[in-house]
Structures are given as structure tokens and as C-alpha cells.
C-alpha atoms as a PDB file:
ATOM      1  CA  MET A   1     -29.374 156.736  31.623  1.00  0.00           C
ATOM      2  CA  VAL A   2     -32.353 158.327  29.831  1.00  0.00           C
ATOM      3  CA  LYS A   3     -31.398 161.746  28.610  1.00  0.00           C
ATOM      4  CA  LEU A   4     -34.226 164.101  27.527  1.00  0.00           C
ATOM      5  CA  GLY A   5     -31.751 166.498  25.859  1.00  0.00           C
ATOM      6  CA  SER A   6     -29.956 169.689  27.260  1.00  0.00           C
ATOM      7  CA  THR A   7     -31.616 171.741  29.788  1.00  0.00           C
ATOM      8  CA  ASP A   8     -32.584 174.169  27.115  1.00  0.00           C
ATOM      9  CA  ASN A   9     -34.821 171.587  25.513  1.00  0.00           C
ATOM     10  CA  LYS A  10     -36.512 170.336  28.534  1.00  0.00           C
ATOM     11  CA  PRO A  11     -39.238 172.994  28.350  1.00  0.00           C
ATOM     12  CA  LYS A  12     -40.102 171.988  24.728  1.00  0.00           C
ATOM     13  CA  VAL A  13     -40.071 168.205  25.847  1.00  0.00           C
ATOM     14  CA  VAL A  14     -42.487 169.026  28.588  1.00  0.00           C
ATOM     15  CA  LEU A  15     -44.576 170.953  26.349  1.00  0.00           C
ATOM     16  CA  LEU A  16     -44.871 168.017  23.805  1.00  0.00           C
ATOM     17  CA  LEU A  17     -45.431 165.372  26.426  1.00  0.00           C
ATOM     18  CA  SER A  18     -48.301 167.704  27.931  1.00  0.00           C
ATOM     19  CA  LEU A  19     -49.887 168.166  24.574  1.00  0.00           C
ATOM     20  CA  ALA A  20     -49.556 164.363  23.732  1.00  0.00           C
ATOM     21  CA  THR A  21     -51.210 163.403  27.101  1.00  0.00           C
ATOM     22  CA  SER A  22     -53.975 166.154  26.734  1.00  0.00           C
ATOM     23  CA  ILE A  23     -54.756 164.914  22.952  1.00  0.00           C
ATOM     24  CA  VAL A  24     -54.919 161.138  24.108  1.00  0.00           C
ATOM     25  CA  LEU A  25     -57.351 162.040  27.237  1.00  0.00           C
ATOM     26  CA  ASP A  26     -59.399 164.289  24.810  1.00  0.00           C
ATOM     27  CA  VAL A  27     -59.656 161.480  22.421  1.00  0.00           C
ATOM     28  CA  LEU A  28     -60.914 159.136  25.190  1.00  0.00           C
ATOM     29  CA  PHE A  29     -63.453 161.539  26.454  1.00  0.00           C
ATOM     30  CA  LEU A  30     -64.888 161.949  22.906  1.00  0.00           C
ATOM     31  CA  SER A  31     -64.670 158.236  22.006  1.00  0.00           C
ATOM     32  CA  GLY A  32     -66.584 157.795  25.142  1.00  0.00           C
ATOM     33  CA  ALA A  33     -69.333 160.454  24.765  1.00  0.00           C
ATOM     34  CA  LEU A  34     -69.582 159.128  21.159  1.00  0.00           C
ATOM     35  CA  LEU A  35     -69.951 155.422  22.263  1.00  0.00           C
ATOM     36  CA  THR A  36     -72.507 156.693  24.734  1.00  0.00           C
ATOM     37  CA  ASN A  37     -74.497 158.469  22.213  1.00  0.00           C
ATOM     38  CA  VAL A  38     -74.354 155.512  19.694  1.00  0.00           C
ATOM     39  CA  SER A  39     -75.265 152.693  22.549  1.00  0.00           C
ATOM     40  CA  ARG A  40     -78.641 154.764  23.515  1.00  0.00           C
ATOM     41  CA  GLY A  41     -81.584 155.082  21.323  1.00  0.00           C
ATOM     42  CA  GLU A  42     -81.774 158.751  21.871  1.00  0.00           C
ATOM     43  CA  THR A  43     -79.163 161.353  21.670  1.00  0.00           C
ATOM     44  CA  ALA A  44     -77.373 161.521  25.282  1.00  0.00           C
ATOM     45  CA  TYR A  45     -75.130 164.568  24.489  1.00  0.00           C
ATOM     46  CA  THR A  46     -75.678 167.175  22.110  1.00  0.00           C
ATOM     47  CA  HIS A  47     -72.729 168.413  19.921  1.00  0.00           C
ATOM     48  CA  VAL A  48     -72.357 171.489  22.082  1.00  0.00           C
ATOM     49  CA  ASP A  49     -72.095 169.227  25.341  1.00  0.00           C
ATOM     50  CA  MET A  50     -69.098 167.218  23.549  1.00  0.00           C
ATOM     51  CA  ALA A  51     -67.371 170.336  22.293  1.00  0.00           C
ATOM     52  CA  ALA A  52     -67.513 172.168  25.598  1.00  0.00           C
ATOM     53  CA  GLY A  53     -66.673 168.942  27.413  1.00  0.00           C
ATOM     54  CA  SER A  54     -63.658 168.110  25.332  1.00  0.00           C
ATOM     55  CA  ILE A  55     -62.355 171.734  25.560  1.00  0.00           C
ATOM     56  CA  PHE A  56     -62.843 171.461  29.351  1.00  0.00           C
ATOM     57  CA  VAL A  57     -60.914 168.147  29.350  1.00  0.00           C
ATOM     58  CA  PHE A  58     -58.155 169.617  27.142  1.00  0.00           C
ATOM     59  CA  VAL A  59     -57.517 172.538  29.492  1.00  0.00           C
ATOM     60  CA  ILE A  60     -57.569 170.780  32.822  1.00  0.00           C
ATOM     61  CA  SER A  61     -55.490 167.993  31.497  1.00  0.00           C
ATOM     62  CA  MET A  62     -52.855 170.398  30.188  1.00  0.00           C
ATOM     63  CA  ILE A  63     -52.774 172.051  33.781  1.00  0.00           C
ATOM     64  CA  ILE A  64     -52.346 169.095  35.394  1.00  0.00           C
ATOM     65  CA  SER A  65     -49.846 167.463  32.912  1.00  0.00           C
ATOM     66  CA  LEU A  66     -47.761 170.537  32.752  1.00  0.00           C
ATOM     67  CA  SER A  67     -47.370 170.284  36.642  1.00  0.00           C
ATOM     68  CA  LEU A  68     -46.447 166.610  36.620  1.00  0.00           C
ATOM     69  CA  TRP A  69     -44.244 166.024  33.492  1.00  0.00           C
ATOM     70  CA  PRO A  70     -41.369 168.043  34.743  1.00  0.00           C
ATOM     71  CA  ARG A  71     -41.195 165.931  37.948  1.00  0.00           C
ATOM     72  CA  ILE A  72     -41.637 162.714  35.890  1.00  0.00           C
ATOM     73  CA  THR A  73     -38.888 163.786  33.391  1.00  0.00           C
ATOM     74  CA  GLU A  74     -36.346 164.619  36.441  1.00  0.00           C
ATOM     75  CA  TRP A  75     -37.227 161.437  38.093  1.00  0.00           C
ATOM     76  CA  ILE A  76     -36.542 159.320  35.049  1.00  0.00           C
ATOM     77  CA  GLU A  77     -33.113 161.191  34.372  1.00  0.00           C
ATOM     78  CA  ASN A  78     -32.098 160.662  38.029  1.00  0.00           C
ATOM     79  CA  ARG A  79     -33.265 157.182  38.292  1.00  0.00           C
ATOM     80  CA  GLU A  80     -30.126 155.601  37.256  1.00  0.00           C
ATOM     81  CA  THR A  81     -27.990 158.052  39.196  1.00  0.00           C
ATOM     82  CA  ASN A  82     -29.819 157.267  42.395  1.00  0.00           C
ATOM     83  CA  ASN A  83     -29.619 153.381  41.701  1.00  0.00           C
ATOM     84  CA  LYS A  84     -25.780 153.387  41.402  1.00  0.00           C
ATOM     85  CA  ILE A  85     -23.928 151.433  44.094  1.00  0.00           C
ATOM     86  CA  PRO A  86     -21.068 153.790  45.624  1.00  0.00           C
ATOM     87  CA  ASP A  87     -17.505 152.737  45.063  1.00  0.00           C
END
């Protein structure tokens, strides 16, 4: 059974998972924007576009991941309990 800690630590775990998810998505967004700029002869996106886009991606992904990770962590913790065969 997967234990993510006591119930007091769950908000911290969810926040850390959400931050990690948002940072990974932000890095993917920035690398896609930079690769687009490099692959074209001219500048496709300005620095302001990339900064504003990365802030937008970070905020939206934080909102979504903060709503999804609590459900995912509960599902992971309860998965083994639900799969047990009753005696």
C-alpha cells in the first residue's frame, strides 16, 4: 500500500506534486517556444510573448493540478484497499 504520509502532510505533498507538474509543463512550453524560434529564420515569438505565455501556463497548470492531485493521491492510497479479496 502506498502511504503518502499522515493527513497533516497531504496538503504539503499535493502542493509539491502540483509545483513539480507545473514546472515540468512550463519547461515543455518554453522549450517548444525556443525550438520554434530556432527552427525559423526569423523570430516567431518575442521574449515578452514567451514570458507571458510561461506565466499563463504555470498559473493554469497549478489550478488544474491542485484540483487533480488530491484525487489522484487518494486513489493511489485506496487502490490496494479496494483490490483486497474479502475473507
